[in-house]
C-alpha atoms as a PDB file:
ATOM      1  CA  UNK A   1     114.029 122.438 106.845  1.00  0.00           C
ATOM      2  CA  UNK A   2     115.512 125.854 105.624  1.00  0.00           C
ATOM      3  CA  UNK A   3     112.667 126.341 103.081  1.00  0.00           C
ATOM      4  CA  UNK A   4     111.575 129.599 104.668  1.00  0.00           C
ATOM      5  CA  UNK A   5     114.889 131.376 103.583  1.00  0.00           C
ATOM      6  CA  UNK A   6     115.147 130.110  99.927  1.00  0.00           C
ATOM      7  CA  UNK A   7     110.859 130.351  99.538  1.00  0.00           C
ATOM      8  CA  UNK A   8     111.868 134.131 100.893  1.00  0.00           C
ATOM      9  CA  UNK A   9     114.580 134.709  98.062  1.00  0.00           C
ATOM     10  CA  UNK A  10     112.485 133.357  95.687  1.00  0.00           C
ATOM     11  CA  UNK A  11     109.584 135.991  96.664  1.00  0.00           C
ATOM     12  CA  UNK A  12     112.373 138.914  96.840  1.00  0.00           C
ATOM     13  CA  UNK A  13     113.091 137.795  93.080  1.00  0.00           C
ATOM     14  CA  UNK A  14     109.805 137.305  91.821  1.00  0.00           C
ATOM     15  CA  UNK A  15     108.868 141.058  93.331  1.00  0.00           C
ATOM     16  CA  UNK A  16     111.751 142.604  92.245  1.00  0.00           C
ATOM     17  CA  UNK A  17     111.028 141.352  88.548  1.00  0.00           C
ATOM     18  CA  UNK A  18     107.685 142.204  88.577  1.00  0.00           C
ATOM     19  CA  UNK A  19     107.999 145.826  89.148  1.00  0.00           C
ATOM     20  CA  UNK A  20     111.361 145.894  87.037  1.00  0.00           C
ATOM     21  CA  UNK A  21     110.843 148.232  84.148  1.00  0.00           C
ATOM     22  CA  UNK A  22     113.944 148.358  82.109  1.00  0.00           C
ATOM     23  CA  UNK A  23     114.221 151.425  79.623  1.00  0.00           C
ATOM     24  CA  UNK A  24     113.314 150.199  76.619  1.00  0.00           C
ATOM     25  CA  UNK A  25     114.692 151.001  72.952  1.00  0.00           C
ATOM     26  CA  UNK A  26     111.455 151.695  70.834  1.00  0.00           C
ATOM     27  CA  UNK A  27     113.291 152.532  67.679  1.00  0.00           C
ATOM     28  CA  UNK A  28     114.944 149.109  67.569  1.00  0.00           C
ATOM     29  CA  UNK A  29     111.626 147.478  68.541  1.00  0.00           C
ATOM     30  CA  UNK A  30     110.060 149.183  65.238  1.00  0.00           C
ATOM     31  CA  UNK A  31     112.955 148.122  63.032  1.00  0.00           C
ATOM     32  CA  UNK A  32     112.652 144.751  63.956  1.00  0.00           C
ATOM     33  CA  UNK A  33     108.712 144.488  64.123  1.00  0.00           C
ATOM     34  CA  UNK A  34     108.699 146.364  60.238  1.00  0.00           C
ATOM     35  CA  UNK A  35     112.208 144.422  59.232  1.00  0.00           C
ATOM     36  CA  UNK A  36     114.890 146.269  56.980  1.00  0.00           C
ATOM     37  CA  UNK A  37     113.549 149.460  55.247  1.00  0.00           C
ATOM     38  CA  UNK A  38     117.050 149.902  53.349  1.00  0.00           C
ATOM     39  CA  UNK A  39     117.366 148.280  49.827  1.00  0.00           C
ATOM     40  CA  UNK A  40     120.758 147.721  51.084  1.00  0.00           C
ATOM     41  CA  UNK A  41     119.952 145.567  54.335  1.00  0.00           C
ATOM     42  CA  UNK A  42     117.905 143.438  52.135  1.00  0.00           C
ATOM     43  CA  UNK A  43     120.630 142.525  49.554  1.00  0.00           C
ATOM     44  CA  UNK A  44     123.335 141.740  51.989  1.00  0.00           C
ATOM     45  CA  UNK A  45     121.097 138.964  53.810  1.00  0.00           C
ATOM     46  CA  UNK A  46     121.663 135.922  52.353  1.00  0.00           C
ATOM     47  CA  UNK A  47     118.746 134.125  50.783  1.00  0.00           C
ATOM     48  CA  UNK A  48     118.536 131.195  52.857  1.00  0.00           C
ATOM     49  CA  UNK A  49     115.599 129.398  50.877  1.00  0.00           C
ATOM     50  CA  UNK A  50     117.671 128.903  48.200  1.00  0.00           C
ATOM     51  CA  UNK A  51     120.173 127.074  50.011  1.00  0.00           C
ATOM     52  CA  UNK A  52     118.048 125.095  52.093  1.00  0.00           C
ATOM     53  CA  UNK A  53     116.853 123.298  48.757  1.00  0.00           C
ATOM     54  CA  UNK A  54     119.591 123.333  46.319  1.00  0.00           C
ATOM     55  CA  UNK A  55     120.426 119.567  47.286  1.00  0.00           C
ATOM     56  CA  UNK A  56     116.749 118.813  47.170  1.00  0.00           C
ATOM     57  CA  UNK A  57     116.266 120.124  43.706  1.00  0.00           C
ATOM     58  CA  UNK A  58     119.751 118.483  42.367  1.00  0.00           C
ATOM     59  CA  UNK A  59     118.937 114.798  43.879  1.00  0.00           C
ATOM     60  CA  UNK A  60     114.839 115.529  42.647  1.00  0.00           C
ATOM     61  CA  UNK A  61     116.431 116.286  39.000  1.00  0.00           C
ATOM     62  CA  UNK A  62     118.646 113.350  38.794  1.00  0.00           C
ATOM     63  CA  UNK A  63     121.420 115.279  38.352  1.00  0.00           C
ATOM     64  CA  UNK A  64     124.031 113.908  41.323  1.00  0.00           C
END
């Protein structure tokens, strides 16, 4: 019958999460939402779309 203590702890944790406001890095959020703005960052990111379809292109063209 120890449900009272567990429920009290859950209520305490829920209340802490509800009213907790961590420091938000708005510049990091803005960068994430808008994507990279510098051309160097875009060039260093691999184009995964090409890699994903390379095997399929070989199979579809008959070059195995």
